[in-house]
Amino acid sequence: MSTVIRSPNWIGDGIMCLPAIRAFKTHFPDERVAVAAKRYLAGVFQGIPGIDEIIPLPDRWTLGSYISALGELRKKRFDRGILFTNSFSSALFFRLAGISPCAGYERDGRGWLLHDKVPRADMAEHHQRYYLKIIEHLAGEKIAPAFPAGLVVSAAEKEWAAGWLSRQGISRGTPLLAVSPTAAYGSAKAWLPERFRQVLGLWSERHPDTAILLLGGPSERDRIAAMIDGLKGCVHNLAGRLALRQSIAVLSLCRLFIGNDSGLMHVASALGVPLAAVFGPTEPGRTAPLAGRTRLLYRGADCAPCTRRECPTDHRCMAAIGADEVLAAAEELWEGK
């Protein structure tokens, strides 16, 4: 028997579905498991025990890439499909690829495309539990989630990361602080840039031996450059210079992570890196890390939670969190508290 699992499309959700994949393999140990994921996201699933194959899907669909991906899936003749995505289009894609039976939440008008219809779950619960309920439906029993999610980084990847940093002028053995001041979803989920700058400036003064690594995507490089312009100390803008798998390897060497509710926050958590995370419009009860040494900074607001990509008012949920609070939380984690 072989099963193909369609992963979510965001880094954080890709990581939060790992306990569900682990649970599936535990309850169906004889099945061969493949994960179909967007190409940029495939690195999340690399080296994970129980995942036998990673099938990269185009990051952006064209008619040609869609037909090609359908053909590749058809050739593999999977016996079952599981959708961690909620969309109609993902269910239709599996159906056109000849994958049957197929399990997923009955939503977005796609119930007629599914054979194993999972009743809609409470979207207010944590995403890890949300994905796990699909496996519970297939297994016919309640499953206790296994934490942490657990990314796997090989010794060779860590050696590559140390060597790459060395070529950037960061000596081996230098304490590393990773900072992700942006959020791919939109600026509404990002703490105020000037507050991040305050934290980084004070950190450089108090910990001059630390190398600060600013992480993010290509589209965020200029914003991060403007934010850190003129800062003293060993501050490196790595945004857009690393693929996701390379960022994972670099993060695995870090002593601390500071960032927003973002994909890289989940990467840090899944690597066991202590982290201080700023939450604003999102609800920590749905997406916060569930294991490891973590400090969450959250004030909420009368308009939160919301799903806006840009704040239309005063960003009060983020403005309520001061640089001194984040710095204090980071200092505690740095000292092992």
C-alpha atoms as a PDB file:
ATOM      1  CA  MET A   1       0.000   0.000   0.000  1.00  0.00           C
ATOM      2  CA  SER A   2       1.169   3.519  -0.751  1.00  0.00           C
ATOM      3  CA  THR A   3      -0.253   6.843   0.432  1.00  0.00           C
ATOM      4  CA  VAL A   4       0.395  10.355  -0.832  1.00  0.00           C
ATOM      5  CA  ILE A   5      -0.155  13.273   1.545  1.00  0.00           C
ATOM      6  CA  ARG A   6      -0.747  16.780   0.195  1.00  0.00           C
ATOM      7  CA  SER A   7       1.025  19.150   2.534  1.00  0.00           C
ATOM      8  CA  PRO A   8      -0.192  22.635   3.459  1.00  0.00           C
ATOM      9  CA  ASN A   9       1.315  25.501   1.464  1.00  0.00           C
ATOM     10  CA  TRP A  10       2.877  27.524   4.291  1.00  0.00           C
ATOM     11  CA  ILE A  11       6.140  26.716   6.077  1.00  0.00           C
ATOM     12  CA  GLY A  12       4.593  26.911   9.538  1.00  0.00           C
ATOM     13  CA  ASP A  13       1.695  24.633   8.641  1.00  0.00           C
ATOM     14  CA  GLY A  14       4.068  22.255   6.893  1.00  0.00           C
ATOM     15  CA  ILE A  15       5.892  21.855  10.186  1.00  0.00           C
ATOM     16  CA  MET A  16       2.700  21.679  12.243  1.00  0.00           C
ATOM     17  CA  CYS A  17       1.451  18.742  10.165  1.00  0.00           C
ATOM     18  CA  LEU A  18       4.554  16.643  10.943  1.00  0.00           C
ATOM     19  CA  PRO A  19       3.051  15.095  14.120  1.00  0.00           C
ATOM     20  CA  ALA A  20       0.061  13.968  12.040  1.00  0.00           C
ATOM     21  CA  ILE A  21       2.378  12.340   9.478  1.00  0.00           C
ATOM     22  CA  ARG A  22       4.222  10.612  12.304  1.00  0.00           C
ATOM     23  CA  ALA A  23       0.902   9.408  13.732  1.00  0.00           C
ATOM     24  CA  PHE A  24      -0.184   8.053  10.346  1.00  0.00           C
ATOM     25  CA  LYS A  25       3.024   6.053  10.027  1.00  0.00           C
ATOM     26  CA  THR A  26       2.589   4.709  13.559  1.00  0.00           C
ATOM     27  CA  HIS A  27      -0.952   3.490  12.862  1.00  0.00           C
ATOM     28  CA  PHE A  28      -0.261   2.321   9.317  1.00  0.00           C
ATOM     29  CA  PRO A  29       3.353   1.101   9.557  1.00  0.00           C
ATOM     30  CA  ASP A  30       3.277  -0.989   6.380  1.00  0.00           C
ATOM     31  CA  GLU A  31       2.234   1.842   4.089  1.00  0.00           C
ATOM     32  CA  ARG A  32       4.742   3.684   1.948  1.00  0.00           C
ATOM     33  CA  VAL A  33       4.288   7.421   2.502  1.00  0.00           C
ATOM     34  CA  ALA A  34       4.953  10.190  -0.013  1.00  0.00           C
ATOM     35  CA  VAL A  35       4.449  13.897   0.629  1.00  0.00           C
ATOM     36  CA  ALA A  36       3.447  16.164  -2.245  1.00  0.00           C
ATOM     37  CA  ALA A  37       4.545  19.712  -1.404  1.00  0.00           C
ATOM     38  CA  LYS A  38       5.264  22.984  -3.131  1.00  0.00           C
ATOM     39  CA  ARG A  39       8.856  22.941  -4.362  1.00  0.00           C
ATOM     40  CA  TYR A  40      10.013  25.720  -2.025  1.00  0.00           C
ATOM     41  CA  LEU A  41       8.527  23.820   0.936  1.00  0.00           C
ATOM     42  CA  ALA A  42       9.956  20.381   0.156  1.00  0.00           C
ATOM     43  CA  GLY A  43      12.966  20.919   2.426  1.00  0.00           C
ATOM     44  CA  VAL A  44      10.737  20.799   5.516  1.00  0.00           C
ATOM     45  CA  PHE A  45      10.102  17.086   4.920  1.00  0.00           C
ATOM     46  CA  GLN A  46      13.667  16.086   4.092  1.00  0.00           C
ATOM     47  CA  GLY A  47      15.083  13.377   6.343  1.00  0.00           C
ATOM     48  CA  ILE A  48      11.868  12.952   8.363  1.00  0.00           C
ATOM     49  CA  PRO A  49      11.475   9.317   9.507  1.00  0.00           C
ATOM     50  CA  GLY A  50       8.423   7.699   7.937  1.00  0.00           C
ATOM     51  CA  ILE A  51       8.455   9.845   4.797  1.00  0.00           C
ATOM     52  CA  ASP A  52       9.642   7.645   1.950  1.00  0.00           C
ATOM     53  CA  GLU A  53       9.375  10.148  -0.889  1.00  0.00           C
ATOM     54  CA  ILE A  54       8.953  13.884  -1.423  1.00  0.00           C
ATOM     55  CA  ILE A  55       7.120  14.918  -4.584  1.00  0.00           C
ATOM     56  CA  PRO A  56       7.805  18.577  -5.445  1.00  0.00           C
ATOM     57  CA  LEU A  57       4.900  20.509  -6.917  1.00  0.00           C
ATOM     58  CA  PRO A  58       5.299  23.790  -8.836  1.00  0.00           C
ATOM     59  CA  ASP A  59       5.347  26.887  -6.665  1.00  0.00           C
ATOM     60  CA  ARG A  60       3.213  28.581  -9.311  1.00  0.00           C
ATOM     61  CA  TRP A  61       0.860  26.671 -11.568  1.00  0.00           C
ATOM     62  CA  THR A  62       0.746  27.010 -15.331  1.00  0.00           C
ATOM     63  CA  LEU A  63      -1.306  24.818 -17.598  1.00  0.00           C
ATOM     64  CA  GLY A  64       1.821  22.969 -18.651  1.00  0.00           C
ATOM     65  CA  SER A  65       3.119  22.396 -15.112  1.00  0.00           C
ATOM     66  CA  TYR A  66      -0.340  21.285 -13.948  1.00  0.00           C
ATOM     67  CA  ILE A  67      -0.641  18.649 -16.681  1.00  0.00           C
ATOM     68  CA  SER A  68       2.927  17.483 -16.068  1.00  0.00           C
ATOM     69  CA  ALA A  69       2.384  17.139 -12.298  1.00  0.00           C
ATOM     70  CA  LEU A  70      -0.846  15.197 -12.894  1.00  0.00           C
ATOM     71  CA  GLY A  71       1.024  12.809 -15.162  1.00  0.00           C
ATOM     72  CA  GLU A  72       3.787  12.225 -12.634  1.00  0.00           C
ATOM     73  CA  LEU A  73       1.308  11.431  -9.862  1.00  0.00           C
ATOM     74  CA  ARG A  74      -0.697   9.117 -12.116  1.00  0.00           C
ATOM     75  CA  LYS A  75       2.433   7.091 -12.909  1.00  0.00           C
ATOM     76  CA  LYS A  76       2.992   6.377  -9.214  1.00  0.00           C
ATOM     77  CA  ARG A  77      -0.452   4.748  -8.786  1.00  0.00           C
ATOM     78  CA  PHE A  78      -0.998   5.673  -5.147  1.00  0.00           C
ATOM     79  CA  ASP A  79      -3.533   3.592  -3.229  1.00  0.00           C
ATOM     80  CA  ARG A  80      -4.740   6.458  -1.052  1.00  0.00           C
ATOM     81  CA  GLY A  81      -4.542  10.230  -0.723  1.00  0.00           C
ATOM     82  CA  ILE A  82      -4.726  12.505   2.323  1.00  0.00           C
ATOM     83  CA  LEU A  83      -5.345  16.239   2.009  1.00  0.00           C
ATOM     84  CA  PHE A  84      -3.979  18.528   4.704  1.00  0.00           C
ATOM     85  CA  THR A  85      -5.043  21.398   2.458  1.00  0.00           C
ATOM     86  CA  ASN A  86      -8.609  22.727   2.694  1.00  0.00           C
ATOM     87  CA  SER A  87      -9.114  23.858  -0.890  1.00  0.00           C
ATOM     88  CA  PHE A  88     -11.401  22.556  -3.595  1.00  0.00           C
ATOM     89  CA  SER A  89      -8.526  22.791  -6.092  1.00  0.00           C
ATOM     90  CA  SER A  90      -6.292  20.392  -4.146  1.00  0.00           C
ATOM     91  CA  ALA A  91      -9.068  17.780  -3.967  1.00  0.00           C
ATOM     92  CA  LEU A  92      -9.755  18.150  -7.684  1.00  0.00           C
ATOM     93  CA  PHE A  93      -6.047  17.778  -8.434  1.00  0.00           C
ATOM     94  CA  PHE A  94      -5.854  14.474  -6.543  1.00  0.00           C
ATOM     95  CA  ARG A  95      -9.038  13.237  -8.221  1.00  0.00           C
ATOM     96  CA  LEU A  96      -7.701  14.078 -11.697  1.00  0.00           C
ATOM     97  CA  ALA A  97      -4.445  12.326 -10.767  1.00  0.00           C
ATOM     98  CA  GLY A  98      -6.434   9.139 -10.184  1.00  0.00           C
ATOM     99  CA  ILE A  99      -5.809   9.061  -6.424  1.00  0.00           C
ATOM    100  CA  SER A 100      -8.629   7.204  -4.686  1.00  0.00           C
ATOM    101  CA  PRO A 101      -9.799   6.928  -1.985  1.00  0.00           C
ATOM    102  CA  CYS A 102      -8.986  10.410  -0.758  1.00  0.00           C
ATOM    103  CA  ALA A 103      -9.451  11.785   2.773  1.00  0.00           C
ATOM    104  CA  GLY A 104      -9.779  15.371   3.930  1.00  0.00           C
ATOM    105  CA  TYR A 105     -12.029  17.892   5.606  1.00  0.00           C
ATOM    106  CA  GLU A 106     -15.449  18.289   4.000  1.00  0.00           C
ATOM    107  CA  ARG A 107     -15.303  21.989   3.213  1.00  0.00           C
ATOM    108  CA  ASP A 108     -14.944  24.439   0.337  1.00  0.00           C
ATOM    109  CA  GLY A 109     -17.640  22.563  -1.585  1.00  0.00           C
ATOM    110  CA  ARG A 110     -15.387  19.575  -2.233  1.00  0.00           C
ATOM    111  CA  GLY A 111     -17.224  16.837  -0.338  1.00  0.00           C
ATOM    112  CA  TRP A 112     -18.241  15.070  -3.559  1.00  0.00           C
ATOM    113  CA  LEU A 113     -14.541  14.687  -4.457  1.00  0.00           C
ATOM    114  CA  LEU A 114     -13.697  12.895  -1.196  1.00  0.00           C
ATOM    115  CA  HIS A 115     -14.276   9.283  -0.212  1.00  0.00           C
ATOM    116  CA  ASP A 116     -13.250   9.724   3.444  1.00  0.00           C
ATOM    117  CA  LYS A 117     -15.047  12.899   4.463  1.00  0.00           C
ATOM    118  CA  VAL A 118     -13.758  14.290   7.745  1.00  0.00           C
ATOM    119  CA  PRO A 119     -16.349  16.487   9.481  1.00  0.00           C
ATOM    120  CA  ARG A 120     -15.301  20.109   9.729  1.00  0.00           C
ATOM    121  CA  ALA A 121     -13.229  20.738  12.840  1.00  0.00           C
ATOM    122  CA  ASP A 122     -13.152  23.783  15.083  1.00  0.00           C
ATOM    123  CA  MET A 123     -10.810  26.206  13.335  1.00  0.00           C
ATOM    124  CA  ALA A 124     -10.060  27.814  16.718  1.00  0.00           C
ATOM    125  CA  GLU A 125      -8.099  24.793  17.926  1.00  0.00           C
ATOM    126  CA  HIS A 126      -4.383  24.409  17.421  1.00  0.00           C
ATOM    127  CA  HIS A 127      -3.313  23.569  13.870  1.00  0.00           C
ATOM    128  CA  GLN A 128      -1.383  20.492  14.982  1.00  0.00           C
ATOM    129  CA  ARG A 129      -4.573  19.053  16.441  1.00  0.00           C
ATOM    130  CA  TYR A 130      -6.482  20.131  13.312  1.00  0.00           C
ATOM    131  CA  TYR A 131      -4.245  17.989  11.075  1.00  0.00           C
ATOM    132  CA  LEU A 132      -4.129  15.146  13.566  1.00  0.00           C
ATOM    133  CA  LYS A 133      -7.924  14.788  13.494  1.00  0.00           C
ATOM    134  CA  ILE A 134      -7.720  13.614   9.879  1.00  0.00           C
ATOM    135  CA  ILE A 135      -5.481  10.747  10.967  1.00  0.00           C
ATOM    136  CA  GLU A 136      -7.788   9.998  13.896  1.00  0.00           C
ATOM    137  CA  HIS A 137     -10.646   9.695  11.411  1.00  0.00           C
ATOM    138  CA  LEU A 138      -8.667   7.168   9.352  1.00  0.00           C
ATOM    139  CA  ALA A 139      -7.389   5.240  12.382  1.00  0.00           C
ATOM    140  CA  GLY A 140     -10.774   5.234  14.112  1.00  0.00           C
ATOM    141  CA  GLU A 141      -9.348   6.286  17.461  1.00  0.00           C
ATOM    142  CA  LYS A 142      -8.128   9.265  19.458  1.00  0.00           C
ATOM    143  CA  ILE A 143      -4.416   9.954  19.087  1.00  0.00           C
ATOM    144  CA  ALA A 144      -2.207  11.782  21.544  1.00  0.00           C
ATOM    145  CA  PRO A 145      -0.027  14.244  19.609  1.00  0.00           C
ATOM    146  CA  ALA A 146       3.717  13.663  19.684  1.00  0.00           C
ATOM    147  CA  PHE A 147       5.809  16.785  20.256  1.00  0.00           C
ATOM    148  CA  PRO A 148       8.058  18.395  19.273  1.00  0.00           C
ATOM    149  CA  ALA A 149       7.409  18.339  15.541  1.00  0.00           C
ATOM    150  CA  GLY A 150      11.075  17.513  14.941  1.00  0.00           C
ATOM    151  CA  LEU A 151      12.932  18.713  11.857  1.00  0.00           C
ATOM    152  CA  VAL A 152      15.980  16.647  10.959  1.00  0.00           C
ATOM    153  CA  VAL A 153      19.316  18.241  10.011  1.00  0.00           C
ATOM    154  CA  SER A 154      22.242  16.007   9.107  1.00  0.00           C
ATOM    155  CA  ALA A 155      25.808  16.434  10.338  1.00  0.00           C
ATOM    156  CA  ALA A 156      26.842  17.206   6.760  1.00  0.00           C
ATOM    157  CA  GLU A 157      24.266  20.021   6.537  1.00  0.00           C
ATOM    158  CA  LYS A 158      25.456  21.517   9.811  1.00  0.00           C
ATOM    159  CA  GLU A 159      29.033  21.382   8.573  1.00  0.00           C
ATOM    160  CA  TRP A 160      27.954  23.131   5.366  1.00  0.00           C
ATOM    161  CA  ALA A 161      26.192  25.838   7.393  1.00  0.00           C
ATOM    162  CA  ALA A 162      29.240  26.423   9.602  1.00  0.00           C
ATOM    163  CA  GLY A 163      31.467  26.632   6.535  1.00  0.00           C
ATOM    164  CA  TRP A 164      29.116  29.019   4.730  1.00  0.00           C
ATOM    165  CA  LEU A 165      28.948  31.320   7.750  1.00  0.00           C
ATOM    166  CA  SER A 166      32.711  31.226   8.007  1.00  0.00           C
ATOM    167  CA  ARG A 167      32.944  32.484   4.431  1.00  0.00           C
ATOM    168  CA  GLN A 168      30.696  35.395   5.465  1.00  0.00           C
ATOM    169  CA  GLY A 169      33.231  36.338   8.127  1.00  0.00           C
ATOM    170  CA  ILE A 170      31.513  34.590  11.060  1.00  0.00           C
ATOM    171  CA  SER A 171      34.038  32.368  12.816  1.00  0.00           C
ATOM    172  CA  ARG A 172      33.129  28.895  13.988  1.00  0.00           C
ATOM    173  CA  GLY A 173      32.107  28.946  17.626  1.00  0.00           C
ATOM    174  CA  THR A 174      30.684  32.481  17.478  1.00  0.00           C
ATOM    175  CA  PRO A 175      27.369  32.665  19.407  1.00  0.00           C
ATOM    176  CA  LEU A 176      24.582  33.085  16.859  1.00  0.00           C
ATOM    177  CA  LEU A 177      21.321  34.998  17.277  1.00  0.00           C
ATOM    178  CA  ALA A 178      18.797  34.465  14.469  1.00  0.00           C
ATOM    179  CA  VAL A 179      16.221  37.194  13.878  1.00  0.00           C
ATOM    180  CA  SER A 180      13.282  37.090  11.462  1.00  0.00           C
ATOM    181  CA  PRO A 181      11.640  40.542  11.550  1.00  0.00           C
ATOM    182  CA  THR A 182       9.172  40.016   8.694  1.00  0.00           C
ATOM    183  CA  ALA A 183       6.273  37.667   7.927  1.00  0.00           C
ATOM    184  CA  ALA A 184       5.460  36.196   4.528  1.00  0.00           C
ATOM    185  CA  TYR A 185       1.717  36.488   5.153  1.00  0.00           C
ATOM    186  CA  GLY A 186       1.868  40.279   5.422  1.00  0.00           C
ATOM    187  CA  SER A 187       2.993  43.213   7.547  1.00  0.00           C
ATOM    188  CA  ALA A 188       0.045  42.791   9.938  1.00  0.00           C
ATOM    189  CA  LYS A 189       1.878  39.829  11.494  1.00  0.00           C
ATOM    190  CA  ALA A 190       5.192  41.696  11.763  1.00  0.00           C
ATOM    191  CA  TRP A 191       6.291  43.571  14.878  1.00  0.00           C
ATOM    192  CA  LEU A 192       7.224  47.215  14.346  1.00  0.00           C
ATOM    193  CA  PRO A 193      10.565  47.544  12.459  1.00  0.00           C
ATOM    194  CA  GLU A 194      11.814  50.319  14.743  1.00  0.00           C
ATOM    195  CA  ARG A 195      11.278  48.071  17.780  1.00  0.00           C
ATOM    196  CA  PHE A 196      13.267  45.279  16.175  1.00  0.00           C
ATOM    197  CA  ARG A 197      16.002  47.816  15.476  1.00  0.00           C
ATOM    198  CA  GLN A 198      16.014  48.877  19.131  1.00  0.00           C
ATOM    199  CA  VAL A 199      16.393  45.285  20.270  1.00  0.00           C
ATOM    200  CA  LEU A 200      19.217  44.588  17.839  1.00  0.00           C
ATOM    201  CA  GLY A 201      21.078  47.767  18.774  1.00  0.00           C
ATOM    202  CA  LEU A 202      20.903  47.043  22.481  1.00  0.00           C
ATOM    203  CA  TRP A 203      21.798  43.389  21.927  1.00  0.00           C
ATOM    204  CA  SER A 204      24.939  44.351  20.011  1.00  0.00           C
ATOM    205  CA  GLU A 205      25.964  46.622  22.909  1.00  0.00           C
ATOM    206  CA  ARG A 206      25.379  43.972  25.577  1.00  0.00           C
ATOM    207  CA  HIS A 207      26.645  40.971  23.599  1.00  0.00           C
ATOM    208  CA  PRO A 208      29.352  42.293  21.262  1.00  0.00           C
ATOM    209  CA  ASP A 209      30.674  38.783  20.645  1.00  0.00           C
ATOM    210  CA  THR A 210      27.358  37.671  19.091  1.00  0.00           C
ATOM    211  CA  ALA A 211      26.729  37.414  15.348  1.00  0.00           C
ATOM    212  CA  ILE A 212      23.170  38.514  14.509  1.00  0.00           C
ATOM    213  CA  LEU A 213      21.715  36.768  11.468  1.00  0.00           C
ATOM    214  CA  LEU A 214      18.715  38.457   9.808  1.00  0.00           C
ATOM    215  CA  LEU A 215      16.674  35.847   7.925  1.00  0.00           C
ATOM    216  CA  GLY A 216      13.907  36.240   5.362  1.00  0.00           C
ATOM    217  CA  GLY A 217      12.960  35.850   1.725  1.00  0.00           C
ATOM    218  CA  PRO A 218      14.213  37.742  -1.351  1.00  0.00           C
ATOM    219  CA  SER A 219      11.304  40.207  -1.239  1.00  0.00           C
ATOM    220  CA  GLU A 220      12.226  41.145   2.340  1.00  0.00           C
ATOM    221  CA  ARG A 221      15.912  41.865   1.799  1.00  0.00           C
ATOM    222  CA  ASP A 222      15.563  45.619   1.142  1.00  0.00           C
ATOM    223  CA  ARG A 223      13.188  46.151   4.079  1.00  0.00           C
ATOM    224  CA  ILE A 224      15.580  44.382   6.414  1.00  0.00           C
ATOM    225  CA  ALA A 225      18.522  46.350   5.008  1.00  0.00           C
ATOM    226  CA  ALA A 226      16.717  49.621   5.762  1.00  0.00           C
ATOM    227  CA  MET A 227      15.849  48.425   9.269  1.00  0.00           C
ATOM    228  CA  ILE A 228      19.447  47.607  10.238  1.00  0.00           C
ATOM    229  CA  ASP A 229      21.141  50.439   8.344  1.00  0.00           C
ATOM    230  CA  GLY A 230      23.806  52.031  10.531  1.00  0.00           C
ATOM    231  CA  LEU A 231      23.654  49.439  13.322  1.00  0.00           C
ATOM    232  CA  LYS A 232      27.000  48.633  14.874  1.00  0.00           C
ATOM    233  CA  GLY A 233      28.219  45.137  15.622  1.00  0.00           C
ATOM    234  CA  CYS A 234      28.255  41.862  13.731  1.00  0.00           C
ATOM    235  CA  VAL A 235      24.897  42.145  11.951  1.00  0.00           C
ATOM    236  CA  HIS A 236      24.352  40.176   8.734  1.00  0.00           C
ATOM    237  CA  ASN A 237      21.408  40.533   6.352  1.00  0.00           C
ATOM    238  CA  LEU A 238      20.968  37.007   4.947  1.00  0.00           C
ATOM    239  CA  ALA A 239      17.464  37.590   3.547  1.00  0.00           C
ATOM    240  CA  GLY A 240      17.118  36.100   0.084  1.00  0.00           C
ATOM    241  CA  ARG A 241      20.559  34.493   0.174  1.00  0.00           C
ATOM    242  CA  LEU A 242      19.521  31.078   1.467  1.00  0.00           C
ATOM    243  CA  ALA A 243      17.067  28.480   0.239  1.00  0.00           C
ATOM    244  CA  LEU A 244      14.682  27.149   2.882  1.00  0.00           C
ATOM    245  CA  ARG A 245      16.726  24.008   3.524  1.00  0.00           C
ATOM    246  CA  GLN A 246      19.871  26.111   3.915  1.00  0.00           C
ATOM    247  CA  SER A 247      18.076  28.433   6.334  1.00  0.00           C
ATOM    248  CA  ILE A 248      17.062  25.377   8.367  1.00  0.00           C
ATOM    249  CA  ALA A 249      20.692  24.253   8.523  1.00  0.00           C
ATOM    250  CA  VAL A 250      21.887  27.706   9.613  1.00  0.00           C
ATOM    251  CA  LEU A 251      19.127  28.011  12.208  1.00  0.00           C
ATOM    252  CA  SER A 252      20.128  24.645  13.689  1.00  0.00           C
ATOM    253  CA  LEU A 253      23.430  26.258  14.785  1.00  0.00           C
ATOM    254  CA  CYS A 254      21.800  29.228  16.523  1.00  0.00           C
ATOM    255  CA  ARG A 255      21.592  29.757  20.253  1.00  0.00           C
ATOM    256  CA  LEU A 256      18.400  31.854  20.103  1.00  0.00           C
ATOM    257  CA  PHE A 257      15.681  32.981  17.687  1.00  0.00           C
ATOM    258  CA  ILE A 258      13.677  36.223  17.864  1.00  0.00           C
ATOM    259  CA  GLY A 259      10.819  36.787  15.440  1.00  0.00           C
ATOM    260  CA  ASN A 260       7.138  37.037  14.640  1.00  0.00           C
ATOM    261  CA  ASP A 261       4.503  34.329  14.297  1.00  0.00           C
ATOM    262  CA  SER A 262       6.061  33.076  11.064  1.00  0.00           C
ATOM    263  CA  GLY A 263       7.342  30.008   9.267  1.00  0.00           C
ATOM    264  CA  LEU A 264      10.868  30.530  10.576  1.00  0.00           C
ATOM    265  CA  MET A 265       9.499  30.655  14.133  1.00  0.00           C
ATOM    266  CA  HIS A 266       8.153  27.148  13.576  1.00  0.00           C
ATOM    267  CA  VAL A 267      11.474  26.078  12.065  1.00  0.00           C
ATOM    268  CA  ALA A 268      13.298  27.261  15.184  1.00  0.00           C
ATOM    269  CA  SER A 269      10.824  25.470  17.433  1.00  0.00           C
ATOM    270  CA  ALA A 270      11.071  22.235  15.460  1.00  0.00           C
ATOM    271  CA  LEU A 271      14.873  22.405  15.730  1.00  0.00           C
ATOM    272  CA  GLY A 272      14.728  22.886  19.499  1.00  0.00           C
ATOM    273  CA  VAL A 273      16.158  26.417  19.301  1.00  0.00           C
ATOM    274  CA  PRO A 274      14.922  28.625  22.181  1.00  0.00           C
ATOM    275  CA  LEU A 275      12.743  31.415  20.828  1.00  0.00           C
ATOM    276  CA  ALA A 276      11.050  34.682  21.698  1.00  0.00           C
ATOM    277  CA  ALA A 277       8.069  35.294  19.409  1.00  0.00           C
ATOM    278  CA  VAL A 278       5.868  38.361  19.054  1.00  0.00           C
ATOM    279  CA  PHE A 279       2.188  37.654  18.346  1.00  0.00           C
ATOM    280  CA  GLY A 280      -0.266  40.352  17.274  1.00  0.00           C
ATOM    281  CA  PRO A 281      -3.312  39.708  15.084  1.00  0.00           C
ATOM    282  CA  THR A 282      -3.025  35.921  15.282  1.00  0.00           C
ATOM    283  CA  GLU A 283      -4.211  33.746  18.152  1.00  0.00           C
ATOM    284  CA  PRO A 284      -1.346  31.962  19.986  1.00  0.00           C
ATOM    285  CA  GLY A 285      -3.725  29.136  20.904  1.00  0.00           C
ATOM    286  CA  ARG A 286      -3.853  28.150  17.221  1.00  0.00           C
ATOM    287  CA  THR A 287      -0.258  28.450  16.042  1.00  0.00           C
ATOM    288  CA  ALA A 288       2.126  28.894  18.980  1.00  0.00           C
ATOM    289  CA  PRO A 289       4.947  26.361  19.436  1.00  0.00           C
ATOM    290  CA  LEU A 290       3.853  23.581  21.773  1.00  0.00           C
ATOM    291  CA  ALA A 291       7.270  22.425  22.970  1.00  0.00           C
ATOM    292  CA  GLY A 292      10.705  23.731  23.838  1.00  0.00           C
ATOM    293  CA  ARG A 293      11.913  26.848  25.616  1.00  0.00           C
ATOM    294  CA  THR A 294       9.630  29.575  24.349  1.00  0.00           C
ATOM    295  CA  ARG A 295       8.578  33.075  25.353  1.00  0.00           C
ATOM    296  CA  LEU A 296       5.450  34.401  23.663  1.00  0.00           C
ATOM    297  CA  LEU A 297       4.755  38.130  23.760  1.00  0.00           C
ATOM    298  CA  TYR A 298       1.091  38.863  23.138  1.00  0.00           C
ATOM    299  CA  ARG A 299      -1.296  41.603  24.208  1.00  0.00           C
ATOM    300  CA  GLY A 300      -4.253  41.107  21.899  1.00  0.00           C
ATOM    301  CA  ALA A 301      -6.630  43.890  20.908  1.00  0.00           C
ATOM    302  CA  ASP A 302     -10.341  44.540  20.581  1.00  0.00           C
ATOM    303  CA  CYS A 303     -10.017  43.850  16.834  1.00  0.00           C
ATOM    304  CA  ALA A 304      -7.931  40.673  17.213  1.00  0.00           C
ATOM    305  CA  PRO A 305      -7.677  38.008  16.077  1.00  0.00           C
ATOM    306  CA  CYS A 306      -7.954  39.033  12.447  1.00  0.00           C
ATOM    307  CA  THR A 307      -6.854  37.641   9.109  1.00  0.00           C
ATOM    308  CA  ARG A 308      -5.849  40.892   7.414  1.00  0.00           C
ATOM    309  CA  ARG A 309      -2.502  41.002   5.657  1.00  0.00           C
ATOM    310  CA  GLU A 310      -2.138  44.727   6.333  1.00  0.00           C
ATOM    311  CA  CYS A 311      -3.455  46.538   9.399  1.00  0.00           C
ATOM    312  CA  PRO A 312      -6.005  49.193   8.349  1.00  0.00           C
ATOM    313  CA  THR A 313      -5.777  51.128  11.632  1.00  0.00           C
ATOM    314  CA  ASP A 314      -3.016  51.675  14.214  1.00  0.00           C
ATOM    315  CA  HIS A 315      -1.521  48.162  14.565  1.00  0.00           C
ATOM    316  CA  ARG A 316      -2.332  48.374  18.254  1.00  0.00           C
ATOM    317  CA  CYS A 317      -1.833  44.651  18.868  1.00  0.00           C
ATOM    318  CA  MET A 318       1.840  45.000  17.928  1.00  0.00           C
ATOM    319  CA  ALA A 319       2.390  48.536  19.217  1.00  0.00           C
ATOM    320  CA  ALA A 320       1.421  47.344  22.707  1.00  0.00           C
ATOM    321  CA  ILE A 321       4.591  45.224  22.949  1.00  0.00           C
ATOM    322  CA  GLY A 322       7.702  47.159  23.903  1.00  0.00           C
ATOM    323  CA  ALA A 323      11.307  46.539  22.927  1.00  0.00           C
ATOM    324  CA  ASP A 324      12.222  46.154  26.601  1.00  0.00           C
ATOM    325  CA  GLU A 325       9.810  43.210  26.948  1.00  0.00           C
ATOM    326  CA  VAL A 326      11.227  41.364  23.968  1.00  0.00           C
ATOM    327  CA  LEU A 327      14.775  42.076  25.047  1.00  0.00           C
ATOM    328  CA  ALA A 328      14.113  40.804  28.574  1.00  0.00           C
ATOM    329  CA  ALA A 329      12.559  37.586  27.256  1.00  0.00           C
ATOM    330  CA  ALA A 330      15.478  37.061  24.878  1.00  0.00           C
ATOM    331  CA  GLU A 331      18.034  37.633  27.649  1.00  0.00           C
ATOM    332  CA  GLU A 332      16.372  35.013  29.849  1.00  0.00           C
ATOM    333  CA  LEU A 333      16.452  32.439  27.076  1.00  0.00           C
ATOM    334  CA  TRP A 334      20.038  33.311  26.167  1.00  0.00           C
ATOM    335  CA  GLU A 335      21.072  32.593  29.740  1.00  0.00           C
ATOM    336  CA  GLY A 336      19.238  29.268  29.739  1.00  0.00           C
ATOM    337  CA  LYS A 337      16.303  30.311  31.902  1.00  0.00           C
END
